[in-house]
Amino acid sequence: MKEVIKEAGIRAGGLPGKEELEAINRFAKGELKAEEVYAFTVKLCDNEVDRDGERFPRETLEELAPLFVGKSGIFDHRWSAQGQTARIYRTEVVGEDAVRTRAGDGYCYLKGYVYMLRNEKNAALIQEIEGGIKREVSVGCAVSRTVCSICGREAKGGECRHVPGREYEGKLCFRELVGATDAYEFSFVAVPAQPKAGVMKKSAKGGERMERLEKEAALGRRYLAGLRQEAVRLGALAEPELAVETLKTIAEKLEEPELLALRECFAKRAEERWPVKGQLPQRGERTERGCGDSAFLI
């Protein structure tokens, strides 16, 4: 078994809604009122390859989701009751298939719904979350195995000789953290191992506007993903000697202006290489007699 500490982030929040408050009160001894609670969301961990050359595959995130419900929020992984500040009351795995990870699959992350009490002790922390000072968090959990992405062997015990971060025949080497066995806590930290982990921003007053912006951002990501796919498709037609994986690597590094220019260039080259011929003859053009398909001309 391997104990794992991975960093993530927070989303600023506010007063919980009715359903959220009901979920929170399952953990409270007495019934809390909405104005007594500060609720926010946390990106606990994701399936991207992190700075340690490791990642949680989606299957492990799904296993971790129920294990984190009810776990405490502390500081710097110091397991002390004095540091208990918040608690996770709900979790879900969120997918963003339009975003691709370094491993080549769709991006997803484990989202935690967290609450803390609005009191004098927590007032400064709530202010720091709202002000963007407290943004990064880290999770503590345990997995049963660490597997090499190249050979599929256990990374420990000398069975695997591959080095995380290196490429082998064009494939990135990293460690898969599989078989979640336990979840301990999440902590407020300074430097996360997972770059995308952190506080997820959302103001209490601007929730609808933020949700609209998030939807627009997701739409933009899908647009770029489609643009990259079209550029790769045309590139395969225009330059068949180039491997598709090479074209994908090139496209992933480009943004909209470069992708539009590349798509136009590939489209012209493809048209030159594969000119489209019409079925009907042009004016003044004579067709050969005896053509067996002439009866099917429209």
C-alpha atoms as a PDB file:
ATOM      1  CA  MET A   1       0.000   0.000   0.000  1.00  0.00           C
ATOM      2  CA  LYS A   2       1.206   3.509  -0.807  1.00  0.00           C
ATOM      3  CA  GLU A   3       0.183   6.615   1.113  1.00  0.00           C
ATOM      4  CA  VAL A   4      -0.322   9.518  -1.282  1.00  0.00           C
ATOM      5  CA  ILE A   5      -0.384  13.279  -0.795  1.00  0.00           C
ATOM      6  CA  LYS A   6      -1.577  15.251  -3.831  1.00  0.00           C
ATOM      7  CA  GLU A   7      -2.460  18.913  -4.119  1.00  0.00           C
ATOM      8  CA  ALA A   8      -5.590  20.475  -5.529  1.00  0.00           C
ATOM      9  CA  GLY A   9      -7.646  23.659  -5.117  1.00  0.00           C
ATOM     10  CA  ILE A  10     -10.679  25.480  -3.745  1.00  0.00           C
ATOM     11  CA  ARG A  11     -13.649  27.293  -5.190  1.00  0.00           C
ATOM     12  CA  ALA A  12     -14.832  30.244  -3.171  1.00  0.00           C
ATOM     13  CA  GLY A  13     -18.438  29.930  -2.110  1.00  0.00           C
ATOM     14  CA  GLY A  14     -21.057  31.421   0.203  1.00  0.00           C
ATOM     15  CA  LEU A  15     -24.435  30.505   1.672  1.00  0.00           C
ATOM     16  CA  PRO A  16     -25.563  26.943   0.910  1.00  0.00           C
ATOM     17  CA  GLY A  17     -28.874  26.249  -0.805  1.00  0.00           C
ATOM     18  CA  LYS A  18     -31.643  24.162   0.735  1.00  0.00           C
ATOM     19  CA  GLU A  19     -30.485  20.797  -0.638  1.00  0.00           C
ATOM     20  CA  GLU A  20     -26.857  21.555   0.201  1.00  0.00           C
ATOM     21  CA  LEU A  21     -27.807  22.539   3.749  1.00  0.00           C
ATOM     22  CA  GLU A  22     -29.678  19.257   4.191  1.00  0.00           C
ATOM     23  CA  ALA A  23     -26.571  17.350   3.117  1.00  0.00           C
ATOM     24  CA  ILE A  24     -24.425  19.404   5.508  1.00  0.00           C
ATOM     25  CA  ASN A  25     -26.753  18.793   8.452  1.00  0.00           C
ATOM     26  CA  ARG A  26     -26.188  15.044   8.147  1.00  0.00           C
ATOM     27  CA  PHE A  27     -22.821  15.723   9.760  1.00  0.00           C
ATOM     28  CA  ALA A  28     -23.957  18.286  12.346  1.00  0.00           C
ATOM     29  CA  LYS A  29     -25.118  17.384  15.855  1.00  0.00           C
ATOM     30  CA  GLY A  30     -27.674  20.189  15.804  1.00  0.00           C
ATOM     31  CA  GLU A  31     -29.503  21.665  12.822  1.00  0.00           C
ATOM     32  CA  LEU A  32     -27.430  24.418  11.260  1.00  0.00           C
ATOM     33  CA  LYS A  33     -28.971  27.425   9.516  1.00  0.00           C
ATOM     34  CA  ALA A  34     -27.722  28.659   6.140  1.00  0.00           C
ATOM     35  CA  GLU A  35     -26.342  31.903   7.618  1.00  0.00           C
ATOM     36  CA  GLU A  36     -24.245  29.860  10.073  1.00  0.00           C
ATOM     37  CA  VAL A  37     -22.428  28.001   7.288  1.00  0.00           C
ATOM     38  CA  TYR A  38     -19.845  28.917   4.667  1.00  0.00           C
ATOM     39  CA  ALA A  39     -19.862  26.401   1.783  1.00  0.00           C
ATOM     40  CA  PHE A  40     -17.336  26.093  -1.030  1.00  0.00           C
ATOM     41  CA  THR A  41     -16.042  23.502  -3.479  1.00  0.00           C
ATOM     42  CA  VAL A  42     -12.597  21.984  -3.831  1.00  0.00           C
ATOM     43  CA  LYS A  43     -10.840  20.366  -6.775  1.00  0.00           C
ATOM     44  CA  LEU A  44      -9.325  17.578  -4.688  1.00  0.00           C
ATOM     45  CA  CYS A  45      -7.269  15.802  -7.359  1.00  0.00           C
ATOM     46  CA  ASP A  46      -7.392  15.015 -11.079  1.00  0.00           C
ATOM     47  CA  ASN A  47      -6.172  12.546 -13.709  1.00  0.00           C
ATOM     48  CA  GLU A  48      -3.409  14.756 -15.109  1.00  0.00           C
ATOM     49  CA  VAL A  49       0.227  13.656 -14.811  1.00  0.00           C
ATOM     50  CA  ASP A  50       1.591  15.768 -11.955  1.00  0.00           C
ATOM     51  CA  ARG A  51       5.003  17.140 -11.002  1.00  0.00           C
ATOM     52  CA  ASP A  52       5.900  13.807  -9.368  1.00  0.00           C
ATOM     53  CA  GLY A  53       5.302  11.932 -12.618  1.00  0.00           C
ATOM     54  CA  GLU A  54       2.193  10.279 -11.160  1.00  0.00           C
ATOM     55  CA  ARG A  55      -1.528  10.468 -11.769  1.00  0.00           C
ATOM     56  CA  PHE A  56      -4.880   9.138 -10.603  1.00  0.00           C
ATOM     57  CA  PRO A  57      -6.729   7.396 -13.457  1.00  0.00           C
ATOM     58  CA  ARG A  58     -10.495   8.030 -13.572  1.00  0.00           C
ATOM     59  CA  GLU A  59     -11.178   4.612 -11.984  1.00  0.00           C
ATOM     60  CA  THR A  60      -9.177   5.619  -8.909  1.00  0.00           C
ATOM     61  CA  LEU A  61     -10.965   8.980  -8.696  1.00  0.00           C
ATOM     62  CA  GLU A  62     -14.291   7.115  -8.749  1.00  0.00           C
ATOM     63  CA  GLU A  63     -13.036   4.905  -5.895  1.00  0.00           C
ATOM     64  CA  LEU A  64     -11.836   7.902  -3.892  1.00  0.00           C
ATOM     65  CA  ALA A  65     -15.092   9.851  -4.250  1.00  0.00           C
ATOM     66  CA  PRO A  66     -17.103   8.047  -1.513  1.00  0.00           C
ATOM     67  CA  LEU A  67     -14.018   7.665   0.692  1.00  0.00           C
ATOM     68  CA  PHE A  68     -13.578  11.451   0.988  1.00  0.00           C
ATOM     69  CA  VAL A  69     -17.152  12.125   2.148  1.00  0.00           C
ATOM     70  CA  GLY A  70     -17.033  13.160   5.804  1.00  0.00           C
ATOM     71  CA  LYS A  71     -13.281  13.806   5.853  1.00  0.00           C
ATOM     72  CA  SER A  72     -11.826  16.910   7.517  1.00  0.00           C
ATOM     73  CA  GLY A  73     -10.015  19.928   6.130  1.00  0.00           C
ATOM     74  CA  ILE A  74      -6.808  20.791   8.019  1.00  0.00           C
ATOM     75  CA  PHE A  75      -3.514  22.631   7.437  1.00  0.00           C
ATOM     76  CA  ASP A  76      -0.281  21.202   5.950  1.00  0.00           C
ATOM     77  CA  HIS A  77      -1.297  17.586   6.716  1.00  0.00           C
ATOM     78  CA  ARG A  78      -0.827  18.083  10.447  1.00  0.00           C
ATOM     79  CA  TRP A  79      -3.125  15.510  11.969  1.00  0.00           C
ATOM     80  CA  SER A  80      -4.319  17.477  14.970  1.00  0.00           C
ATOM     81  CA  ALA A  81      -7.865  18.104  16.205  1.00  0.00           C
ATOM     82  CA  GLN A  82      -6.925  21.754  16.740  1.00  0.00           C
ATOM     83  CA  GLY A  83      -6.411  22.158  12.991  1.00  0.00           C
ATOM     84  CA  GLN A  84      -9.801  20.767  11.971  1.00  0.00           C
ATOM     85  CA  THR A  85     -11.458  23.605  10.084  1.00  0.00           C
ATOM     86  CA  ALA A  86     -13.825  22.219   7.441  1.00  0.00           C
ATOM     87  CA  ARG A  87     -15.530  19.008   6.345  1.00  0.00           C
ATOM     88  CA  ILE A  88     -16.389  17.426   2.993  1.00  0.00           C
ATOM     89  CA  TYR A  89     -20.107  16.642   2.805  1.00  0.00           C
ATOM     90  CA  ARG A  90     -20.407  15.533  -0.835  1.00  0.00           C
ATOM     91  CA  THR A  91     -18.189  14.565  -3.785  1.00  0.00           C
ATOM     92  CA  GLU A  92     -18.470  13.889  -7.510  1.00  0.00           C
ATOM     93  CA  VAL A  93     -16.171  13.127 -10.427  1.00  0.00           C
ATOM     94  CA  VAL A  94     -16.411  15.816 -13.126  1.00  0.00           C
ATOM     95  CA  GLY A  95     -15.314  15.133 -16.708  1.00  0.00           C
ATOM     96  CA  GLU A  96     -14.111  17.606 -19.337  1.00  0.00           C
ATOM     97  CA  ASP A  97     -13.575  15.340 -22.340  1.00  0.00           C
ATOM     98  CA  ALA A  98     -12.754  18.265 -24.634  1.00  0.00           C
ATOM     99  CA  VAL A  99      -9.596  18.798 -22.571  1.00  0.00           C
ATOM    100  CA  ARG A 100      -6.922  16.141 -23.093  1.00  0.00           C
ATOM    101  CA  THR A 101      -4.366  15.085 -20.483  1.00  0.00           C
ATOM    102  CA  ARG A 102      -0.693  14.450 -21.182  1.00  0.00           C
ATOM    103  CA  ALA A 103      -1.616  10.766 -21.175  1.00  0.00           C
ATOM    104  CA  GLY A 104      -3.985  11.414 -24.103  1.00  0.00           C
ATOM    105  CA  ASP A 105      -7.354  10.762 -22.443  1.00  0.00           C
ATOM    106  CA  GLY A 106     -10.162  13.108 -21.409  1.00  0.00           C
ATOM    107  CA  TYR A 107      -9.496  15.318 -18.385  1.00  0.00           C
ATOM    108  CA  CYS A 108     -11.507  14.730 -15.195  1.00  0.00           C
ATOM    109  CA  TYR A 109     -11.219  15.639 -11.528  1.00  0.00           C
ATOM    110  CA  LEU A 110     -12.638  14.801  -8.114  1.00  0.00           C
ATOM    111  CA  LYS A 111     -14.752  17.681  -6.812  1.00  0.00           C
ATOM    112  CA  GLY A 112     -15.433  18.013  -3.105  1.00  0.00           C
ATOM    113  CA  TYR A 113     -18.251  20.051  -1.559  1.00  0.00           C
ATOM    114  CA  VAL A 114     -17.035  21.491   1.742  1.00  0.00           C
ATOM    115  CA  TYR A 115     -18.513  23.472   4.619  1.00  0.00           C
ATOM    116  CA  MET A 116     -17.165  25.356   7.614  1.00  0.00           C
ATOM    117  CA  LEU A 117     -18.799  27.381  10.351  1.00  0.00           C
ATOM    118  CA  ARG A 118     -19.127  31.137  10.144  1.00  0.00           C
ATOM    119  CA  ASN A 119     -17.601  32.156  13.459  1.00  0.00           C
ATOM    120  CA  GLU A 120     -14.891  34.408  14.847  1.00  0.00           C
ATOM    121  CA  LYS A 121     -12.248  31.684  14.569  1.00  0.00           C
ATOM    122  CA  ASN A 122     -12.879  31.055  10.840  1.00  0.00           C
ATOM    123  CA  ALA A 123     -13.576  34.644   9.787  1.00  0.00           C
ATOM    124  CA  ALA A 124      -9.991  35.332   8.690  1.00  0.00           C
ATOM    125  CA  LEU A 125      -9.785  32.062   6.739  1.00  0.00           C
ATOM    126  CA  ILE A 126     -13.075  32.745   4.932  1.00  0.00           C
ATOM    127  CA  GLN A 127     -11.798  36.196   4.028  1.00  0.00           C
ATOM    128  CA  GLU A 128      -8.551  34.681   2.666  1.00  0.00           C
ATOM    129  CA  ILE A 129     -10.509  32.153   0.572  1.00  0.00           C
ATOM    130  CA  GLU A 130     -12.732  34.879  -0.842  1.00  0.00           C
ATOM    131  CA  GLY A 131      -9.687  37.073  -1.486  1.00  0.00           C
ATOM    132  CA  GLY A 132      -7.839  34.322  -3.358  1.00  0.00           C
ATOM    133  CA  ILE A 133      -5.047  33.987  -0.767  1.00  0.00           C
ATOM    134  CA  LYS A 134      -5.952  30.478   0.315  1.00  0.00           C
ATOM    135  CA  ARG A 135      -6.282  28.686  -3.028  1.00  0.00           C
ATOM    136  CA  GLU A 136      -4.280  25.449  -3.044  1.00  0.00           C
ATOM    137  CA  VAL A 137      -5.167  22.283  -1.184  1.00  0.00           C
ATOM    138  CA  SER A 138      -3.627  18.840  -0.945  1.00  0.00           C
ATOM    139  CA  VAL A 139      -5.242  15.464  -0.333  1.00  0.00           C
ATOM    140  CA  GLY A 140      -3.961  12.596   1.758  1.00  0.00           C
ATOM    141  CA  CYS A 141      -5.054   9.119   0.688  1.00  0.00           C
ATOM    142  CA  ALA A 142      -3.817   5.570   0.163  1.00  0.00           C
ATOM    143  CA  VAL A 143      -3.651   3.336  -2.920  1.00  0.00           C
ATOM    144  CA  SER A 144      -2.753  -0.332  -3.215  1.00  0.00           C
ATOM    145  CA  ARG A 145      -0.448  -0.164  -6.252  1.00  0.00           C
ATOM    146  CA  THR A 146       1.720   2.173  -8.337  1.00  0.00           C
ATOM    147  CA  VAL A 147       1.857   0.924 -11.942  1.00  0.00           C
ATOM    148  CA  CYS A 148       4.143   1.939 -14.820  1.00  0.00           C
ATOM    149  CA  SER A 149       2.285   3.331 -17.845  1.00  0.00           C
ATOM    150  CA  ILE A 150       4.798   1.727 -20.237  1.00  0.00           C
ATOM    151  CA  CYS A 151       5.150  -1.865 -19.074  1.00  0.00           C
ATOM    152  CA  GLY A 152       2.198  -2.189 -16.679  1.00  0.00           C
ATOM    153  CA  ARG A 153       4.435  -3.572 -13.933  1.00  0.00           C
ATOM    154  CA  GLU A 154       4.510  -2.533 -10.296  1.00  0.00           C
ATOM    155  CA  ALA A 155       6.797   0.502 -10.040  1.00  0.00           C
ATOM    156  CA  LYS A 156       8.225  -0.637  -6.718  1.00  0.00           C
ATOM    157  CA  GLY A 157      10.473  -3.622  -6.029  1.00  0.00           C
ATOM    158  CA  GLY A 158      12.755  -3.307  -9.048  1.00  0.00           C
ATOM    159  CA  GLU A 159      10.276  -4.858 -11.494  1.00  0.00           C
ATOM    160  CA  CYS A 160      10.172  -1.746 -13.681  1.00  0.00           C
ATOM    161  CA  ARG A 161      13.181   0.095 -15.134  1.00  0.00           C
ATOM    162  CA  HIS A 162      11.304   2.892 -16.910  1.00  0.00           C
ATOM    163  CA  VAL A 163      11.843   6.482 -15.783  1.00  0.00           C
ATOM    164  CA  PRO A 164       8.810   8.773 -15.207  1.00  0.00           C
ATOM    165  CA  GLY A 165       8.853  11.828 -17.456  1.00  0.00           C
ATOM    166  CA  ARG A 166      10.754  10.142 -20.278  1.00  0.00           C
ATOM    167  CA  GLU A 167       9.215   9.010 -23.565  1.00  0.00           C
ATOM    168  CA  TYR A 168       9.580   5.485 -24.898  1.00  0.00           C
ATOM    169  CA  GLU A 169       8.752   5.118 -28.594  1.00  0.00           C
ATOM    170  CA  GLY A 170       6.702   8.312 -28.387  1.00  0.00           C
ATOM    171  CA  LYS A 171       4.770   7.291 -25.260  1.00  0.00           C
ATOM    172  CA  LEU A 172       5.119   9.244 -22.004  1.00  0.00           C
ATOM    173  CA  CYS A 173       6.140   7.283 -18.925  1.00  0.00           C
ATOM    174  CA  PHE A 174       4.308   7.983 -15.669  1.00  0.00           C
ATOM    175  CA  ARG A 175       3.014   6.118 -12.615  1.00  0.00           C
ATOM    176  CA  GLU A 176      -0.661   5.174 -12.334  1.00  0.00           C
ATOM    177  CA  LEU A 177      -1.996   5.278  -8.751  1.00  0.00           C
ATOM    178  CA  VAL A 178      -4.542   2.454  -8.710  1.00  0.00           C
ATOM    179  CA  GLY A 179      -6.725   0.687  -6.177  1.00  0.00           C
ATOM    180  CA  ALA A 180      -7.811   3.395  -3.704  1.00  0.00           C
ATOM    181  CA  THR A 181      -8.016   1.956  -0.175  1.00  0.00           C
ATOM    182  CA  ASP A 182      -8.499   4.983   2.064  1.00  0.00           C
ATOM    183  CA  ALA A 183      -8.875   8.782   2.171  1.00  0.00           C
ATOM    184  CA  TYR A 184      -7.535  10.711   5.158  1.00  0.00           C
ATOM    185  CA  GLU A 185      -8.053  14.456   4.765  1.00  0.00           C
ATOM    186  CA  PHE A 186      -7.472  17.509   2.628  1.00  0.00           C
ATOM    187  CA  SER A 187      -5.148  20.312   3.691  1.00  0.00           C
ATOM    188  CA  PHE A 188      -4.569  23.941   2.847  1.00  0.00           C
ATOM    189  CA  VAL A 189      -1.029  24.105   1.442  1.00  0.00           C
ATOM    190  CA  ALA A 190       1.290  26.549  -0.325  1.00  0.00           C
ATOM    191  CA  VAL A 191       2.659  24.610  -3.342  1.00  0.00           C
ATOM    192  CA  PRO A 192       0.568  21.893  -5.027  1.00  0.00           C
ATOM    193  CA  ALA A 193       2.013  18.873  -6.866  1.00  0.00           C
ATOM    194  CA  GLN A 194      -0.913  18.983  -9.279  1.00  0.00           C
ATOM    195  CA  PRO A 195      -0.787  22.325 -11.154  1.00  0.00           C
ATOM    196  CA  LYS A 196      -4.533  22.391 -11.856  1.00  0.00           C
ATOM    197  CA  ALA A 197      -5.525  21.685  -8.261  1.00  0.00           C
ATOM    198  CA  GLY A 198      -6.696  24.655  -6.251  1.00  0.00           C
ATOM    199  CA  VAL A 199      -9.566  26.810  -5.073  1.00  0.00           C
ATOM    200  CA  MET A 200     -12.382  26.911  -7.592  1.00  0.00           C
ATOM    201  CA  LYS A 201     -13.599  30.487  -7.876  1.00  0.00           C
ATOM    202  CA  LYS A 202     -17.241  31.406  -7.504  1.00  0.00           C
ATOM    203  CA  SER A 203     -18.708  34.404  -5.701  1.00  0.00           C
ATOM    204  CA  ALA A 204     -21.973  34.174  -3.827  1.00  0.00           C
ATOM    205  CA  LYS A 205     -23.477  37.111  -5.730  1.00  0.00           C
ATOM    206  CA  GLY A 206     -22.028  36.314  -9.129  1.00  0.00           C
ATOM    207  CA  GLY A 207     -22.845  32.619  -9.252  1.00  0.00           C
ATOM    208  CA  GLU A 208     -25.042  32.756 -12.361  1.00  0.00           C
ATOM    209  CA  ARG A 209     -22.519  34.924 -14.217  1.00  0.00           C
ATOM    210  CA  MET A 210     -19.675  32.574 -13.265  1.00  0.00           C
ATOM    211  CA  GLU A 211     -21.645  29.530 -14.419  1.00  0.00           C
ATOM    212  CA  ARG A 212     -22.316  31.259 -17.755  1.00  0.00           C
ATOM    213  CA  LEU A 213     -18.619  32.056 -18.129  1.00  0.00           C
ATOM    214  CA  GLU A 214     -17.729  28.453 -17.324  1.00  0.00           C
ATOM    215  CA  LYS A 215     -20.163  27.215 -19.989  1.00  0.00           C
ATOM    216  CA  GLU A 216     -18.663  29.628 -22.509  1.00  0.00           C
ATOM    217  CA  ALA A 217     -15.184  28.441 -21.588  1.00  0.00           C
ATOM    218  CA  ALA A 218     -16.250  24.821 -22.081  1.00  0.00           C
ATOM    219  CA  LEU A 219     -17.742  25.763 -25.461  1.00  0.00           C
ATOM    220  CA  GLY A 220     -14.450  27.427 -26.410  1.00  0.00           C
ATOM    221  CA  ARG A 221     -12.519  24.298 -25.438  1.00  0.00           C
ATOM    222  CA  ARG A 222     -14.818  22.154 -27.588  1.00  0.00           C
ATOM    223  CA  TYR A 223     -14.365  24.592 -30.493  1.00  0.00           C
ATOM    224  CA  LEU A 224     -10.574  24.393 -30.215  1.00  0.00           C
ATOM    225  CA  ALA A 225     -10.722  20.605 -29.937  1.00  0.00           C
ATOM    226  CA  GLY A 226     -12.805  20.438 -33.143  1.00  0.00           C
ATOM    227  CA  LEU A 227     -10.455  22.870 -34.874  1.00  0.00           C
ATOM    228  CA  ARG A 228      -7.475  20.716 -33.942  1.00  0.00           C
ATOM    229  CA  GLN A 229      -9.213  17.567 -35.206  1.00  0.00           C
ATOM    230  CA  GLU A 230     -10.016  19.269 -38.534  1.00  0.00           C
ATOM    231  CA  ALA A 231      -6.416  20.468 -38.909  1.00  0.00           C
ATOM    232  CA  VAL A 232      -5.133  16.940 -38.244  1.00  0.00           C
ATOM    233  CA  ARG A 233      -7.628  15.430 -40.734  1.00  0.00           C
ATOM    234  CA  LEU A 234      -6.634  17.837 -43.503  1.00  0.00           C
ATOM    235  CA  GLY A 235      -2.963  17.432 -42.617  1.00  0.00           C
ATOM    236  CA  ALA A 236      -3.247  13.673 -43.068  1.00  0.00           C
ATOM    237  CA  LEU A 237      -4.671  14.259 -46.554  1.00  0.00           C
ATOM    238  CA  ALA A 238      -2.193  16.982 -47.505  1.00  0.00           C
ATOM    239  CA  GLU A 239       0.917  15.351 -46.051  1.00  0.00           C
ATOM    240  CA  PRO A 240       0.299  11.585 -45.889  1.00  0.00           C
ATOM    241  CA  GLU A 241       3.970  10.960 -45.152  1.00  0.00           C
ATOM    242  CA  LEU A 242       3.517  12.629 -41.745  1.00  0.00           C
ATOM    243  CA  ALA A 243       2.302  10.373 -38.929  1.00  0.00           C
ATOM    244  CA  VAL A 244      -1.089  11.277 -37.457  1.00  0.00           C
ATOM    245  CA  GLU A 245       0.424  11.358 -33.953  1.00  0.00           C
ATOM    246  CA  THR A 246       2.940  13.946 -35.158  1.00  0.00           C
ATOM    247  CA  LEU A 247       0.136  16.083 -36.551  1.00  0.00           C
ATOM    248  CA  LYS A 248      -1.770  15.786 -33.263  1.00  0.00           C
ATOM    249  CA  THR A 249       1.300  16.877 -31.292  1.00  0.00           C
ATOM    250  CA  ILE A 250       1.706  19.922 -33.538  1.00  0.00           C
ATOM    251  CA  ALA A 251      -1.981  20.859 -33.297  1.00  0.00           C
ATOM    252  CA  GLU A 252      -2.077  20.544 -29.489  1.00  0.00           C
ATOM    253  CA  LYS A 253       0.568  23.272 -29.162  1.00  0.00           C
ATOM    254  CA  LEU A 254      -1.309  25.804 -31.313  1.00  0.00           C
ATOM    255  CA  GLU A 255      -4.087  28.265 -30.468  1.00  0.00           C
ATOM    256  CA  GLU A 256      -6.947  29.514 -32.684  1.00  0.00           C
ATOM    257  CA  PRO A 257      -5.057  31.932 -35.040  1.00  0.00           C
ATOM    258  CA  GLU A 258      -2.312  29.417 -35.799  1.00  0.00           C
ATOM    259  CA  LEU A 259      -4.818  26.564 -36.131  1.00  0.00           C
ATOM    260  CA  LEU A 260      -6.930  28.542 -38.628  1.00  0.00           C
ATOM    261  CA  ALA A 261      -3.839  29.322 -40.718  1.00  0.00           C
ATOM    262  CA  LEU A 262      -2.672  25.710 -40.562  1.00  0.00           C
ATOM    263  CA  ARG A 263      -6.116  24.409 -41.514  1.00  0.00           C
ATOM    264  CA  GLU A 264      -6.268  26.745 -44.532  1.00  0.00           C
ATOM    265  CA  CYS A 265      -2.775  25.723 -45.643  1.00  0.00           C
ATOM    266  CA  PHE A 266      -3.543  22.012 -45.314  1.00  0.00           C
ATOM    267  CA  ALA A 267      -6.877  22.467 -47.121  1.00  0.00           C
ATOM    268  CA  LYS A 268      -5.126  24.042 -50.145  1.00  0.00           C
ATOM    269  CA  ARG A 269      -2.444  21.351 -50.197  1.00  0.00           C
ATOM    270  CA  ALA A 270      -5.061  18.597 -49.921  1.00  0.00           C
ATOM    271  CA  GLU A 271      -7.078  20.109 -52.788  1.00  0.00           C
ATOM    272  CA  GLU A 272      -3.967  20.211 -54.963  1.00  0.00           C
ATOM    273  CA  ARG A 273      -3.064  16.645 -54.110  1.00  0.00           C
ATOM    274  CA  TRP A 274      -6.601  15.277 -54.351  1.00  0.00           C
ATOM    275  CA  PRO A 275      -8.513  17.441 -56.880  1.00  0.00           C
ATOM    276  CA  VAL A 276     -12.249  16.880 -56.912  1.00  0.00           C
ATOM    277  CA  LYS A 277     -13.682  15.910 -60.318  1.00  0.00           C
ATOM    278  CA  GLY A 278     -17.346  16.406 -61.110  1.00  0.00           C
ATOM    279  CA  GLN A 279     -19.483  13.550 -62.448  1.00  0.00           C
ATOM    280  CA  LEU A 280     -21.044  15.576 -65.265  1.00  0.00           C
ATOM    281  CA  PRO A 281     -18.858  16.803 -68.166  1.00  0.00           C
ATOM    282  CA  GLN A 282     -18.141  20.508 -68.435  1.00  0.00           C
ATOM    283  CA  ARG A 283     -19.624  22.529 -71.343  1.00  0.00           C
ATOM    284  CA  GLY A 284     -17.865  21.538 -74.556  1.00  0.00           C
ATOM    285  CA  GLU A 285     -16.242  18.501 -72.963  1.00  0.00           C
ATOM    286  CA  ARG A 286     -16.896  15.208 -74.789  1.00  0.00           C
ATOM    287  CA  THR A 287     -17.253  11.889 -72.970  1.00  0.00           C
ATOM    288  CA  GLU A 288     -15.996   8.590 -74.313  1.00  0.00           C
ATOM    289  CA  ARG A 289     -18.618   6.415 -75.914  1.00  0.00           C
ATOM    290  CA  GLY A 290     -19.277   3.023 -74.477  1.00  0.00           C
ATOM    291  CA  CYS A 291     -18.740   4.049 -70.881  1.00  0.00           C
ATOM    292  CA  GLY A 292     -20.604   1.494 -68.782  1.00  0.00           C
ATOM    293  CA  ASP A 293     -21.565   4.007 -66.081  1.00  0.00           C
ATOM    294  CA  SER A 294     -23.117   6.589 -68.421  1.00  0.00           C
ATOM    295  CA  ALA A 295     -26.607   5.233 -67.796  1.00  0.00           C
ATOM    296  CA  PHE A 296     -26.320   6.283 -64.146  1.00  0.00           C
ATOM    297  CA  LEU A 297     -25.424   9.905 -64.772  1.00  0.00           C
ATOM    298  CA  ILE A 298     -27.979  12.288 -63.281  1.00  0.00           C
END
